[in-house]
């Protein structure tokens, strides 16, 4: 019983950690109290670009088979839709950043968190279907990637 509670708690903490990482990845603490603009030399990849990189890495690492292609395509469709939605939110944030007050920023971060939660809920069913179809080797690789964020020496983007 304790082990089941521990596993459930670990999963919740892991999901919360992922959501917090995604939320804080967009945070801009260094400029929070200043009017200075970011350097134009810093170029941030869009969520769509990052997702395409992840898809390529995952497909290669997991060695998706022809029999798994339909399940894989369903999963990547959700990943791409989620990325487009996040890019849209990021664009809204960038356009409104200089005019939002503290309360509006907190509400916006709440909206991002809600969106990420919804995206995770859309991601799980196609991922679970693909995972169920995987060989033990593929499952072990998948478990490693989702546990550590990397496969081999390549860090997951």
N, C-alpha and C. Protein backbone atom coordinates (compact mmCIF):
# COMPACT_ATOMS: atom_id res chain seq x y z
N UNK A 1 0.83 -1.19 0.00
CA UNK A 1 0.00 0.00 0.00
C UNK A 1 0.87 1.25 0.00
N UNK A 2 1.91 1.27 0.89
CA UNK A 2 2.78 2.44 0.95
C UNK A 2 3.50 2.63 -0.38
N UNK A 3 3.86 1.54 -1.01
CA UNK A 3 4.58 1.63 -2.29
C UNK A 3 3.68 2.22 -3.37
N UNK A 4 2.38 1.89 -3.38
CA UNK A 4 1.45 2.45 -4.35
C UNK A 4 1.28 3.94 -4.12
N UNK A 5 1.18 4.35 -2.86
CA UNK A 5 1.05 5.77 -2.53
C UNK A 5 2.32 6.49 -2.95
N UNK A 6 3.48 5.88 -2.68
CA UNK A 6 4.76 6.48 -3.04
C UNK A 6 4.86 6.65 -4.56
N UNK A 7 4.46 5.65 -5.34
CA UNK A 7 4.49 5.74 -6.80
C UNK A 7 3.56 6.84 -7.29
N UNK A 8 2.37 6.93 -6.72
CA UNK A 8 1.42 7.98 -7.09
C UNK A 8 1.97 9.35 -6.76
N UNK A 9 2.56 9.48 -5.58
CA UNK A 9 3.16 10.74 -5.17
C UNK A 9 4.32 11.10 -6.08
N UNK A 10 5.16 10.14 -6.42
CA UNK A 10 6.29 10.38 -7.31
C UNK A 10 5.81 10.85 -8.67
N UNK A 11 4.76 10.25 -9.19
CA UNK A 11 4.22 10.67 -10.50
C UNK A 11 3.71 12.10 -10.43
N UNK A 12 2.98 12.43 -9.37
CA UNK A 12 2.44 13.78 -9.21
C UNK A 12 3.59 14.79 -9.11
N UNK A 13 4.61 14.47 -8.34
CA UNK A 13 5.76 15.36 -8.20
C UNK A 13 6.46 15.52 -9.55
N UNK A 14 6.61 14.43 -10.30
CA UNK A 14 7.26 14.50 -11.60
C UNK A 14 6.47 15.38 -12.56
N UNK A 15 5.17 15.20 -12.61
CA UNK A 15 4.33 16.02 -13.50
C UNK A 15 4.39 17.48 -13.07
N UNK A 16 4.31 17.72 -11.76
CA UNK A 16 4.41 19.10 -11.27
C UNK A 16 5.76 19.71 -11.63
N UNK A 17 6.80 18.90 -11.54
CA UNK A 17 8.14 19.37 -11.90
C UNK A 17 8.23 19.73 -13.37
N UNK A 18 7.65 18.90 -14.22
CA UNK A 18 7.65 19.17 -15.66
C UNK A 18 6.89 20.46 -15.95
N UNK A 19 5.71 20.60 -15.36
CA UNK A 19 4.92 21.81 -15.58
C UNK A 19 5.63 23.04 -15.05
N UNK A 20 6.26 22.92 -13.88
CA UNK A 20 6.98 24.07 -13.32
C UNK A 20 8.17 24.44 -14.20
N UNK A 21 8.87 23.44 -14.71
CA UNK A 21 10.00 23.70 -15.61
C UNK A 21 9.54 24.41 -16.85
N UNK A 22 8.46 23.94 -17.44
CA UNK A 22 7.94 24.58 -18.64
C UNK A 22 7.49 26.01 -18.35
N UNK A 23 6.85 26.22 -17.21
CA UNK A 23 6.39 27.55 -16.84
C UNK A 23 7.57 28.48 -16.60
N UNK A 24 8.55 28.01 -15.84
CA UNK A 24 9.69 28.86 -15.51
C UNK A 24 10.64 29.04 -16.68
N UNK A 25 10.59 28.16 -17.65
CA UNK A 25 11.44 28.31 -18.82
C UNK A 25 11.08 29.59 -19.58
N UNK A 26 9.85 30.03 -19.47
CA UNK A 26 9.42 31.25 -20.14
C UNK A 26 9.52 32.47 -19.23
N UNK A 27 9.86 32.27 -17.96
CA UNK A 27 9.94 33.40 -17.04
C UNK A 27 11.16 34.25 -17.34
N UNK A 28 11.05 35.53 -17.10
CA UNK A 28 12.14 36.46 -17.36
C UNK A 28 12.41 37.25 -16.08
N UNK A 29 13.09 36.63 -15.12
CA UNK A 29 13.31 37.24 -13.84
C UNK A 29 14.30 38.40 -13.89
N UNK A 30 15.29 38.34 -14.76
CA UNK A 30 16.33 39.35 -14.79
C UNK A 30 15.81 40.71 -15.24
N UNK A 31 14.74 40.73 -15.99
CA UNK A 31 14.19 41.98 -16.49
C UNK A 31 12.86 42.34 -15.82
N UNK A 32 12.51 41.61 -14.77
CA UNK A 32 11.21 41.80 -14.15
C UNK A 32 11.02 43.22 -13.63
N UNK A 33 12.08 43.83 -13.13
CA UNK A 33 11.94 45.17 -12.54
C UNK A 33 12.57 46.26 -13.39
N UNK A 34 12.96 45.94 -14.62
CA UNK A 34 13.60 46.95 -15.44
C UNK A 34 12.86 47.15 -16.75
N UNK A 35 13.19 48.24 -17.40
CA UNK A 35 12.60 48.54 -18.71
C UNK A 35 13.52 48.11 -19.84
N UNK A 36 14.64 47.49 -19.51
CA UNK A 36 15.60 47.10 -20.54
C UNK A 36 15.04 45.99 -21.41
N UNK A 37 15.32 46.08 -22.68
CA UNK A 37 14.88 45.04 -23.62
C UNK A 37 15.94 43.96 -23.69
N UNK A 38 15.52 42.77 -24.06
CA UNK A 38 16.46 41.68 -24.27
C UNK A 38 17.33 41.97 -25.47
N UNK A 39 18.51 41.42 -25.45
CA UNK A 39 19.41 41.56 -26.59
C UNK A 39 18.79 40.87 -27.79
N UNK A 40 18.91 41.50 -28.95
CA UNK A 40 18.38 40.89 -30.16
C UNK A 40 19.24 39.72 -30.61
N UNK A 41 20.44 39.58 -30.00
CA UNK A 41 21.32 38.47 -30.36
C UNK A 41 20.81 37.15 -29.81
N UNK A 42 19.96 37.21 -28.78
CA UNK A 42 19.41 36.00 -28.19
C UNK A 42 18.17 35.60 -29.00
N UNK A 43 18.24 34.43 -29.61
CA UNK A 43 17.12 33.95 -30.41
C UNK A 43 16.56 32.71 -29.74
N UNK A 44 15.29 32.77 -29.41
CA UNK A 44 14.62 31.64 -28.76
C UNK A 44 13.90 30.82 -29.81
N UNK A 45 14.12 29.52 -29.76
CA UNK A 45 13.42 28.63 -30.68
C UNK A 45 11.94 28.56 -30.31
N UNK A 46 11.12 28.49 -31.31
CA UNK A 46 9.68 28.36 -31.06
C UNK A 46 9.38 26.98 -30.51
N UNK A 47 8.23 26.85 -29.88
CA UNK A 47 7.80 25.55 -29.37
C UNK A 47 7.67 24.57 -30.53
N UNK A 48 7.21 25.06 -31.68
CA UNK A 48 7.06 24.19 -32.85
C UNK A 48 8.43 23.65 -33.30
N UNK A 49 9.45 24.51 -33.32
CA UNK A 49 10.79 24.06 -33.70
C UNK A 49 11.35 23.08 -32.69
N UNK A 50 11.16 23.38 -31.40
CA UNK A 50 11.64 22.47 -30.35
C UNK A 50 10.93 21.12 -30.44
N UNK A 51 9.65 21.16 -30.74
CA UNK A 51 8.88 19.92 -30.86
C UNK A 51 9.36 19.09 -32.04
N UNK A 52 9.63 19.73 -33.16
CA UNK A 52 10.14 18.99 -34.32
C UNK A 52 11.46 18.31 -33.98
N UNK A 53 12.32 19.01 -33.24
CA UNK A 53 13.59 18.41 -32.81
C UNK A 53 13.35 17.21 -31.90
N UNK A 54 12.39 17.35 -30.97
CA UNK A 54 12.06 16.24 -30.06
C UNK A 54 11.51 15.05 -30.83
N UNK A 55 10.65 15.32 -31.80
CA UNK A 55 10.05 14.24 -32.59
C UNK A 55 11.13 13.46 -33.31
N UNK A 56 12.05 14.17 -33.93
CA UNK A 56 13.16 13.51 -34.65
C UNK A 56 13.99 12.68 -33.69
N UNK A 57 14.34 13.26 -32.53
CA UNK A 57 15.15 12.55 -31.55
C UNK A 57 14.42 11.31 -31.03
N UNK A 58 13.14 11.47 -30.69
CA UNK A 58 12.38 10.34 -30.14
C UNK A 58 12.21 9.23 -31.16
N UNK A 59 11.91 9.59 -32.40
CA UNK A 59 11.71 8.57 -33.43
C UNK A 59 12.99 7.77 -33.64
N UNK A 60 14.10 8.46 -33.64
CA UNK A 60 15.39 7.79 -33.80
C UNK A 60 15.72 6.93 -32.59
N UNK A 61 15.56 7.50 -31.40
CA UNK A 61 15.91 6.78 -30.17
C UNK A 61 15.02 5.57 -29.95
N UNK A 62 13.74 5.72 -30.24
CA UNK A 62 12.78 4.63 -29.97
C UNK A 62 12.71 3.61 -31.10
N UNK A 63 13.30 3.95 -32.23
CA UNK A 63 13.29 3.04 -33.39
C UNK A 63 11.86 2.60 -33.70
N UNK A 64 11.02 3.60 -33.99
CA UNK A 64 9.62 3.35 -34.29
C UNK A 64 9.52 2.42 -35.50
N UNK A 65 8.73 1.37 -35.36
CA UNK A 65 8.58 0.38 -36.43
C UNK A 65 7.44 0.76 -37.37
N UNK A 66 7.38 0.09 -38.50
CA UNK A 66 6.28 0.33 -39.44
C UNK A 66 4.93 0.02 -38.79
N UNK A 67 4.90 -1.01 -37.96
CA UNK A 67 3.65 -1.39 -37.29
C UNK A 67 3.20 -0.32 -36.29
N UNK A 68 4.13 0.48 -35.79
CA UNK A 68 3.81 1.51 -34.81
C UNK A 68 3.57 2.88 -35.46
N UNK A 69 3.74 2.97 -36.76
CA UNK A 69 3.69 4.26 -37.46
C UNK A 69 2.38 5.02 -37.24
N UNK A 70 1.25 4.34 -37.30
CA UNK A 70 -0.04 5.00 -37.11
C UNK A 70 -0.16 5.58 -35.69
N UNK A 71 0.26 4.82 -34.70
CA UNK A 71 0.25 5.29 -33.31
C UNK A 71 1.22 6.46 -33.14
N UNK A 72 2.38 6.34 -33.76
CA UNK A 72 3.38 7.40 -33.71
C UNK A 72 2.84 8.70 -34.33
N UNK A 73 2.20 8.56 -35.49
CA UNK A 73 1.65 9.74 -36.17
C UNK A 73 0.56 10.41 -35.33
N UNK A 74 -0.24 9.62 -34.63
CA UNK A 74 -1.26 10.20 -33.74
C UNK A 74 -0.61 11.00 -32.62
N UNK A 75 0.47 10.46 -32.07
CA UNK A 75 1.18 11.14 -31.00
C UNK A 75 1.82 12.43 -31.49
N UNK A 76 2.50 12.36 -32.63
CA UNK A 76 3.18 13.56 -33.13
C UNK A 76 2.19 14.65 -33.54
N UNK A 77 1.00 14.25 -33.97
CA UNK A 77 -0.03 15.24 -34.29
C UNK A 77 -0.39 16.04 -33.04
N UNK A 78 -0.58 15.35 -31.92
CA UNK A 78 -0.89 16.03 -30.66
C UNK A 78 0.29 16.90 -30.23
N UNK A 79 1.50 16.41 -30.38
CA UNK A 79 2.68 17.19 -30.01
C UNK A 79 2.74 18.49 -30.82
N UNK A 80 2.49 18.38 -32.10
CA UNK A 80 2.54 19.57 -32.97
C UNK A 80 1.42 20.55 -32.65
N UNK A 81 0.22 20.03 -32.40
CA UNK A 81 -0.90 20.91 -32.03
C UNK A 81 -0.61 21.63 -30.71
N UNK A 82 -0.07 20.91 -29.75
CA UNK A 82 0.28 21.51 -28.46
C UNK A 82 1.34 22.61 -28.65
N UNK A 83 2.31 22.35 -29.50
CA UNK A 83 3.37 23.34 -29.75
C UNK A 83 2.80 24.61 -30.38
N UNK A 84 1.90 24.44 -31.34
CA UNK A 84 1.28 25.62 -31.98
C UNK A 84 0.50 26.44 -30.95
N UNK A 85 -0.21 25.75 -30.08
CA UNK A 85 -0.98 26.43 -29.05
C UNK A 85 -0.05 27.20 -28.11
N UNK A 86 1.08 26.59 -27.73
CA UNK A 86 2.03 27.24 -26.83
C UNK A 86 2.71 28.42 -27.53
N UNK A 87 3.00 28.29 -28.82
CA UNK A 87 3.58 29.41 -29.56
C UNK A 87 2.61 30.59 -29.60
N UNK A 88 1.33 30.30 -29.74
CA UNK A 88 0.32 31.34 -29.76
C UNK A 88 0.28 32.07 -28.41
N UNK A 89 0.34 31.31 -27.32
CA UNK A 89 0.37 31.92 -25.99
C UNK A 89 1.64 32.75 -25.80
N UNK A 90 2.76 32.24 -26.27
CA UNK A 90 4.02 32.96 -26.15
C UNK A 90 3.97 34.27 -26.92
N UNK A 91 3.34 34.24 -28.08
CA UNK A 91 3.20 35.46 -28.88
C UNK A 91 2.33 36.48 -28.14
N UNK A 92 1.22 36.01 -27.57
CA UNK A 92 0.36 36.89 -26.78
C UNK A 92 1.13 37.50 -25.62
N UNK A 93 1.91 36.67 -24.96
CA UNK A 93 2.71 37.13 -23.82
C UNK A 93 3.69 38.20 -24.25
N UNK A 94 4.38 37.96 -25.35
CA UNK A 94 5.38 38.92 -25.83
C UNK A 94 4.73 40.26 -26.18
N UNK A 95 3.54 40.20 -26.78
CA UNK A 95 2.85 41.42 -27.18
C UNK A 95 2.34 42.22 -25.98
N UNK A 96 1.98 41.53 -24.90
CA UNK A 96 1.37 42.19 -23.75
C UNK A 96 2.34 42.39 -22.58
N UNK A 97 3.54 41.84 -22.68
CA UNK A 97 4.48 41.81 -21.55
C UNK A 97 4.71 43.18 -20.92
N UNK A 98 4.94 44.17 -21.72
CA UNK A 98 5.28 45.50 -21.18
C UNK A 98 4.09 46.24 -20.59
N UNK A 99 2.89 45.79 -20.87
CA UNK A 99 1.71 46.50 -20.38
C UNK A 99 0.98 45.74 -19.27
N UNK A 100 1.37 44.50 -19.00
CA UNK A 100 0.69 43.72 -17.96
C UNK A 100 1.16 44.15 -16.57
N UNK A 101 0.20 44.25 -15.66
CA UNK A 101 0.57 44.50 -14.26
C UNK A 101 0.80 43.14 -13.59
N UNK A 102 1.14 43.17 -12.32
CA UNK A 102 1.48 41.94 -11.59
C UNK A 102 0.32 40.94 -11.58
N UNK A 103 -0.89 41.43 -11.36
CA UNK A 103 -2.06 40.54 -11.32
C UNK A 103 -2.30 39.92 -12.69
N UNK A 104 -2.20 40.73 -13.73
CA UNK A 104 -2.40 40.20 -15.09
C UNK A 104 -1.34 39.16 -15.44
N UNK A 105 -0.11 39.39 -14.98
CA UNK A 105 0.96 38.39 -15.22
C UNK A 105 0.65 37.08 -14.51
N UNK A 106 0.17 37.16 -13.28
CA UNK A 106 -0.16 35.95 -12.54
C UNK A 106 -1.31 35.21 -13.23
N UNK A 107 -2.30 35.96 -13.69
CA UNK A 107 -3.41 35.33 -14.41
C UNK A 107 -2.92 34.69 -15.70
N UNK A 108 -2.00 35.34 -16.38
CA UNK A 108 -1.46 34.78 -17.61
C UNK A 108 -0.68 33.49 -17.32
N UNK A 109 0.12 33.51 -16.24
CA UNK A 109 0.85 32.29 -15.87
C UNK A 109 -0.11 31.17 -15.49
N UNK A 110 -1.22 31.52 -14.87
CA UNK A 110 -2.25 30.53 -14.56
C UNK A 110 -2.83 29.95 -15.85
N UNK A 111 -3.05 30.82 -16.83
CA UNK A 111 -3.56 30.36 -18.13
C UNK A 111 -2.56 29.41 -18.80
N UNK A 112 -1.27 29.73 -18.71
CA UNK A 112 -0.24 28.86 -19.29
C UNK A 112 -0.26 27.50 -18.58
N UNK A 113 -0.35 27.52 -17.25
CA UNK A 113 -0.38 26.28 -16.48
C UNK A 113 -1.60 25.43 -16.84
N UNK A 114 -2.75 26.08 -16.95
CA UNK A 114 -3.97 25.36 -17.35
C UNK A 114 -3.81 24.76 -18.75
N UNK A 115 -3.22 25.54 -19.65
CA UNK A 115 -3.01 25.06 -21.02
C UNK A 115 -2.08 23.86 -21.02
N UNK A 116 -0.99 23.95 -20.26
CA UNK A 116 -0.04 22.84 -20.20
C UNK A 116 -0.69 21.59 -19.60
N UNK A 117 -1.52 21.78 -18.61
CA UNK A 117 -2.23 20.65 -18.02
C UNK A 117 -3.15 20.00 -19.05
N UNK A 118 -3.89 20.81 -19.78
CA UNK A 118 -4.76 20.28 -20.83
C UNK A 118 -3.97 19.58 -21.92
N UNK A 119 -2.81 20.14 -22.26
CA UNK A 119 -1.97 19.52 -23.28
C UNK A 119 -1.45 18.16 -22.82
N UNK A 120 -1.09 18.07 -21.57
CA UNK A 120 -0.62 16.80 -21.02
C UNK A 120 -1.74 15.76 -21.07
N UNK A 121 -2.96 16.20 -20.77
CA UNK A 121 -4.11 15.29 -20.82
C UNK A 121 -4.38 14.82 -22.25
N UNK A 122 -4.13 15.67 -23.24
CA UNK A 122 -4.29 15.25 -24.64
C UNK A 122 -3.15 14.34 -25.08
N UNK A 123 -1.95 14.54 -24.49
CA UNK A 123 -0.76 13.79 -24.87
C UNK A 123 -0.80 12.35 -24.35
N UNK A 124 -1.30 12.17 -23.15
CA UNK A 124 -1.21 10.86 -22.49
C UNK A 124 -1.89 9.73 -23.27
N UNK A 125 -3.14 9.87 -23.74
CA UNK A 125 -3.77 8.72 -24.43
C UNK A 125 -3.00 8.22 -25.67
N UNK A 126 -2.56 9.10 -26.60
CA UNK A 126 -1.81 8.55 -27.73
C UNK A 126 -0.44 8.02 -27.31
N UNK A 127 0.16 8.65 -26.29
CA UNK A 127 1.44 8.14 -25.82
C UNK A 127 1.27 6.77 -25.17
N UNK A 128 0.22 6.62 -24.39
CA UNK A 128 -0.04 5.34 -23.73
C UNK A 128 -0.29 4.24 -24.77
N UNK A 129 -1.03 4.57 -25.82
CA UNK A 129 -1.29 3.58 -26.88
C UNK A 129 0.02 3.17 -27.55
N UNK A 130 0.88 4.16 -27.84
CA UNK A 130 2.17 3.83 -28.45
C UNK A 130 3.02 3.03 -27.48
N UNK A 131 3.07 3.45 -26.24
CA UNK A 131 3.89 2.78 -25.22
C UNK A 131 3.47 1.32 -25.07
N UNK A 132 2.17 1.07 -25.09
CA UNK A 132 1.66 -0.30 -24.97
C UNK A 132 2.14 -1.17 -26.11
N UNK A 133 2.33 -0.58 -27.28
CA UNK A 133 2.77 -1.34 -28.46
C UNK A 133 4.27 -1.56 -28.51
N UNK A 134 5.02 -0.92 -27.61
CA UNK A 134 6.47 -0.96 -27.66
C UNK A 134 7.04 -2.28 -27.16
N UNK A 135 8.20 -2.60 -27.70
CA UNK A 135 8.98 -3.73 -27.19
C UNK A 135 9.55 -3.33 -25.84
N UNK A 136 10.08 -4.30 -25.10
CA UNK A 136 10.68 -3.99 -23.80
C UNK A 136 11.86 -3.04 -23.97
N UNK A 137 12.64 -3.22 -25.03
CA UNK A 137 13.78 -2.32 -25.28
C UNK A 137 13.28 -0.88 -25.51
N UNK A 138 12.24 -0.73 -26.31
CA UNK A 138 11.69 0.60 -26.56
C UNK A 138 11.13 1.21 -25.27
N UNK A 139 10.46 0.40 -24.46
CA UNK A 139 9.92 0.90 -23.20
C UNK A 139 11.03 1.38 -22.27
N UNK A 140 12.12 0.61 -22.21
CA UNK A 140 13.25 0.99 -21.36
C UNK A 140 13.87 2.32 -21.83
N UNK A 141 14.00 2.48 -23.14
CA UNK A 141 14.53 3.73 -23.70
C UNK A 141 13.58 4.87 -23.39
N UNK A 142 12.30 4.64 -23.61
CA UNK A 142 11.29 5.67 -23.33
C UNK A 142 11.30 6.06 -21.86
N UNK A 143 11.35 5.08 -20.99
CA UNK A 143 11.39 5.35 -19.55
C UNK A 143 12.60 6.20 -19.20
N UNK A 144 13.74 5.86 -19.78
CA UNK A 144 14.97 6.61 -19.52
C UNK A 144 14.86 8.05 -20.01
N UNK A 145 14.33 8.24 -21.20
CA UNK A 145 14.19 9.58 -21.76
C UNK A 145 13.26 10.42 -20.90
N UNK A 146 12.13 9.88 -20.53
CA UNK A 146 11.16 10.66 -19.76
C UNK A 146 11.59 10.83 -18.29
N UNK A 147 12.48 9.96 -17.82
CA UNK A 147 12.98 10.10 -16.46
C UNK A 147 14.11 11.12 -16.39
N UNK A 148 15.00 11.10 -17.38
CA UNK A 148 16.20 11.92 -17.33
C UNK A 148 16.21 13.09 -18.30
N UNK A 149 15.35 13.04 -19.32
CA UNK A 149 15.35 14.09 -20.33
C UNK A 149 16.41 13.89 -21.39
N UNK A 150 17.07 12.75 -21.38
CA UNK A 150 18.10 12.52 -22.39
C UNK A 150 18.16 11.06 -22.79
N UNK A 151 18.72 10.84 -23.95
CA UNK A 151 18.95 9.48 -24.43
C UNK A 151 20.42 9.40 -24.76
N UNK A 152 21.11 8.52 -24.09
CA UNK A 152 22.55 8.45 -24.28
C UNK A 152 23.15 9.76 -23.78
N UNK A 153 23.99 10.38 -24.58
CA UNK A 153 24.61 11.64 -24.20
C UNK A 153 23.86 12.84 -24.74
N UNK A 154 22.87 12.60 -25.57
CA UNK A 154 22.11 13.70 -26.14
C UNK A 154 21.01 14.10 -25.16
N UNK A 155 21.00 15.36 -24.84
CA UNK A 155 19.97 15.87 -23.95
C UNK A 155 18.71 16.15 -24.75
N UNK A 156 17.56 15.79 -24.20
CA UNK A 156 16.29 16.07 -24.85
C UNK A 156 16.04 17.56 -24.82
N UNK A 157 15.69 18.14 -25.96
CA UNK A 157 15.50 19.60 -26.06
C UNK A 157 14.20 20.03 -25.49
